[in-house]
Protein backbone atom coordinates (compact mmCIF):
# COMPACT_ATOMS: atom_id res chain seq x y z
CA MET A 1 -17.36 -69.61 63.29
CA ILE A 2 -20.47 -68.66 61.37
CA SER A 3 -18.96 -69.95 58.09
CA GLY A 4 -18.80 -73.45 59.62
CA PHE A 5 -22.52 -73.34 60.36
CA SER A 6 -23.23 -71.93 56.91
CA ALA A 7 -21.25 -74.67 55.15
CA SER A 8 -23.02 -77.40 57.14
CA VAL A 9 -26.46 -75.94 56.49
CA SER A 10 -25.76 -75.64 52.76
CA GLY A 11 -24.66 -79.29 52.76
CA LEU A 12 -27.85 -80.32 54.57
CA MET A 13 -29.98 -78.47 52.03
CA ALA A 14 -28.05 -79.89 49.05
CA GLN A 15 -28.44 -83.46 50.28
CA SER A 16 -32.14 -82.92 50.95
CA LYS A 17 -32.55 -81.78 47.35
CA ARG A 18 -30.51 -84.75 46.06
CA LEU A 19 -32.77 -87.15 47.96
CA ALA A 20 -35.96 -85.44 46.74
CA VAL A 21 -34.84 -85.54 43.09
CA SER A 22 -33.86 -89.20 43.38
CA ALA A 23 -37.21 -90.08 44.98
CA ASP A 24 -39.00 -88.23 42.17
CA ASN A 25 -37.05 -90.23 39.59
CA ILE A 26 -37.97 -93.52 41.26
CA ALA A 27 -41.63 -92.54 41.60
CA ASN A 28 -41.81 -91.74 37.87
CA MET A 29 -39.63 -94.51 36.46
CA HIS A 30 -42.65 -96.34 35.01
CA SER A 31 -44.11 -93.19 33.43
CA ARG A 32 -44.09 -92.43 29.76
CA GLY A 33 -40.68 -91.29 28.51
CA VAL A 34 -39.82 -88.46 26.16
CA ARG A 35 -39.79 -89.63 22.54
CA LYS A 36 -36.85 -88.48 20.41
CA ASP A 37 -39.02 -88.28 17.32
CA GLY A 38 -42.01 -86.84 19.19
CA PRO A 39 -43.24 -83.27 19.40
CA VAL A 40 -41.46 -80.67 21.52
CA GLU A 41 -44.32 -80.64 24.06
CA GLN A 42 -45.08 -84.16 25.30
CA PRO A 43 -47.65 -83.90 28.12
CA GLY A 44 -47.38 -86.68 30.67
CA ALA A 45 -43.83 -87.62 29.64
CA TYR A 46 -41.26 -87.65 32.42
CA ALA A 47 -37.69 -86.44 31.96
CA PRO A 48 -35.47 -87.65 34.83
CA LYS A 49 -33.14 -85.27 36.65
CA GLN A 50 -29.86 -85.45 38.53
CA VAL A 51 -28.23 -83.18 41.10
CA GLN A 52 -24.78 -81.69 40.68
CA ASP A 53 -23.07 -80.16 43.71
CA VAL A 54 -21.41 -76.80 43.02
CA THR A 55 -19.01 -75.22 45.51
CA THR A 56 -20.01 -71.72 46.54
CA ALA A 57 -17.79 -68.76 47.37
CA GLY A 58 -17.07 -68.57 51.07
CA GLY A 59 -17.47 -72.30 51.61
CA GLY A 60 -20.46 -74.53 51.28
CA VAL A 61 -22.25 -76.13 48.41
CA ARG A 62 -25.24 -75.48 46.18
CA ALA A 63 -27.24 -78.26 44.52
CA GLU A 64 -28.06 -77.69 40.85
CA VAL A 65 -30.74 -79.85 39.24
CA ARG A 66 -29.90 -80.89 35.69
CA PRO A 67 -31.64 -83.15 33.18
CA VAL A 68 -30.40 -86.69 32.58
CA THR A 69 -29.08 -87.24 29.05
CA PRO A 70 -30.64 -89.00 27.23
CA PRO A 71 -33.95 -88.47 29.03
CA SER A 72 -35.43 -91.76 27.87
CA VAL A 73 -34.54 -95.15 26.45
CA GLU A 74 -36.53 -97.23 24.02
CA VAL A 75 -37.67 -100.68 25.10
CA TYR A 76 -39.72 -103.36 23.45
CA ALA A 77 -43.00 -103.28 25.34
CA PRO A 78 -45.95 -103.87 23.01
CA SER A 79 -48.40 -103.97 25.93
CA ARG A 80 -47.68 -100.35 26.93
CA PRO A 81 -50.34 -97.90 25.73
CA ASP A 82 -47.69 -95.53 24.39
CA ALA A 83 -45.92 -98.19 22.29
CA ASP A 84 -45.57 -97.52 18.57
CA ALA A 85 -46.61 -99.90 15.76
CA ASP A 86 -43.40 -101.93 16.27
CA GLY A 87 -44.11 -102.35 20.01
CA VAL A 88 -41.34 -99.96 21.06
CA ALA A 89 -42.02 -97.51 23.89
CA ALA A 90 -39.93 -94.75 25.44
CA VAL A 91 -39.36 -95.05 29.18
CA PRO A 92 -37.52 -92.60 31.45
CA ASN A 93 -33.77 -93.23 31.67
CA VAL A 94 -33.83 -94.15 35.36
CA ASN A 95 -31.57 -96.83 36.80
CA LEU A 96 -33.11 -98.05 40.06
CA ALA A 97 -29.82 -99.42 41.42
CA GLN A 98 -28.07 -96.12 40.78
CA GLU A 99 -30.91 -94.16 42.37
CA LEU A 100 -30.73 -96.31 45.51
CA VAL A 101 -26.97 -95.72 45.71
CA THR A 102 -27.61 -91.98 45.28
CA GLN A 103 -30.11 -92.07 48.15
CA ILE A 104 -27.67 -93.89 50.45
CA GLN A 105 -24.92 -91.40 49.57
CA ALA A 106 -27.28 -88.49 50.24
CA GLN A 107 -28.26 -89.98 53.59
CA ARG A 108 -24.62 -90.45 54.66
CA ALA A 109 -23.63 -86.95 53.49
CA TYR A 110 -26.63 -85.50 55.34
CA GLU A 111 -25.56 -87.32 58.52
CA ALA A 112 -21.98 -86.02 58.12
CA ASN A 113 -23.18 -82.43 57.71
CA ALA A 114 -25.47 -82.77 60.73
CA ALA A 115 -22.55 -84.11 62.79
CA ALA A 116 -20.35 -81.20 61.66
CA PHE A 117 -23.11 -78.77 62.65
CA ARG A 118 -23.45 -80.38 66.10
CA THR A 119 -19.67 -80.27 66.61
CA GLN A 120 -19.52 -76.60 65.61
CA ASP A 121 -22.35 -75.90 68.05
CA GLU A 122 -20.51 -77.70 70.88
CA VAL A 123 -17.29 -75.79 70.15
CA THR A 124 -19.17 -72.49 70.16
CA ASP A 125 -20.86 -73.37 73.46
CA SER A 126 -17.53 -74.28 75.07
CA LEU A 127 -15.96 -71.03 73.86
CA LEU A 128 -18.83 -69.04 75.31
CA ASP A 129 -18.44 -70.89 78.62
CA ILE A 130 -14.72 -70.06 78.72
CA LYS A 131 -15.37 -66.34 78.16
CA SER A 132 -17.99 -66.07 80.88
């Protein structure tokens, strides 16, 4: 019984993390990107992330945050302050449409885990009522 609760809670936490990472990507999509030819340390540059679900022993899931590859794409934007002499700037490799799909998927998966948790709770309550 407890493993059902544990699996649902781990799913809730994983989807919360997925939504937070996606929101962070969207919030920083107009930031300065990481330059391939730039220094190792690039203060102010944003490297987008993605979440990978990993199944855990005993049931459940763990969300692992990983970097997006490549972290940035080059665009012609001579008006950007970080553009080079040719007018090319690095912007984070964030696809808004994909991030919105990710957020909808995270919302639906969160709702499914919450429903599973509620069902497990109802089953446990009915079993306790039968025994008493």
